[in-house]
Amino acid sequence: KKQAEKAVHQKKEQSKTKCRKARRRHINLVAEFNHRQRKNIWLETHIWHAKRFHMVKKWGYCLGNSPTEKSYRACYRAMTKHCLLQDLSYYCCLELKGKENELLKQLARICSIDTGLTFQEACCLSGRFEGSLNLYRADRYPEDMLGPVTFIWKPRDGSENRQLWIWVHPALKKDILKELKAIFQCTEPEEMCITEPVTTSVQEEKQVEVVTSLGNKRKKEDKEGEKAVPVKKIIGDGTRDPFQSYSWIAQTTGIAISDRSMEILRYRLIGPLSHSVLTETLKAASVQTV
């Protein structure tokens, strides 16, 4: 009798923690990854870095800080003889669209030719090269410096409207974005495009409970009978709340400012074989005109 009562008691107090095999199943693993990213956004290379680096939480992201092994010689060898790749996707991208004259007129207020290149440099304005400069508050040079940025223009297509991408550090994004909205007099659009938030932990647990039953395999099927795996949704980034607007437009000039953070990946290749890696990796698309 004691043995029977003991067995029933143990069955009721069964541990909720699942074994490693259950946690490593695809559907549970994706839900767990979504749960971990509620506060700190992961980069596309996060899994690779998490296995080889000490991770730190900075600027709303989870980034690799220092390697777990002595790989300094290997990195130096790659930089000098081969190719070394760095993931800079945590840098924020601000996109400006509008007439070229109007863009240059207002952007000249937050930079100075005394510091070097500006947005209207001929080699950069054509879209062939990337430029870098220091930004200041409007008409406040040499005081009130905001910070360094890099930029690149989209090549001309015969129209007076141009497209400019400005890359800023996540620690400087808030101040620089505020200054750009002020000089262009941009306001939030009437229709705010807000994506659905990532599935919360409670909803994730319900999804797992639905597909989990004692004695049966853990499967989740859709209407067509195929296995359905929850897809990871990245909304916003570490520097922006998912429910905030990410696009602003000026009613007078038509200048539009968009926050493209975490929408465009950015990598840095260092080494003599960098161009060889790019030429072998990127293939020119065949454009067919009707």
Foldseek 3Di string as FASTA:
>chain_A
DVVVVVVVVCVVPPDPDDDPVVCPDQQNVLLVVLQVLPQAHEAPCRVVLVVFADWDGDLRHIDGDGGPDPCPVVQVCCQAANKDKDWPLQWWKKKKKAFPVVVQVLQCQFFDCVFPDGCPDPCQVQQPDKAKGWTAAGNDPPPRTLGIKIKHWDHDPPDRMTMMMITHHSVRVVVVVVRVCVSLVWDADPDADADDDGDHPVRSVVVQVVQDDPPDDRFDADPVGDTDHDDRDDADHRNDDRGDGFKIADPPRGMIMGICRPVDIDMDMHHPCPVVVVVVPDDDDDDDDD
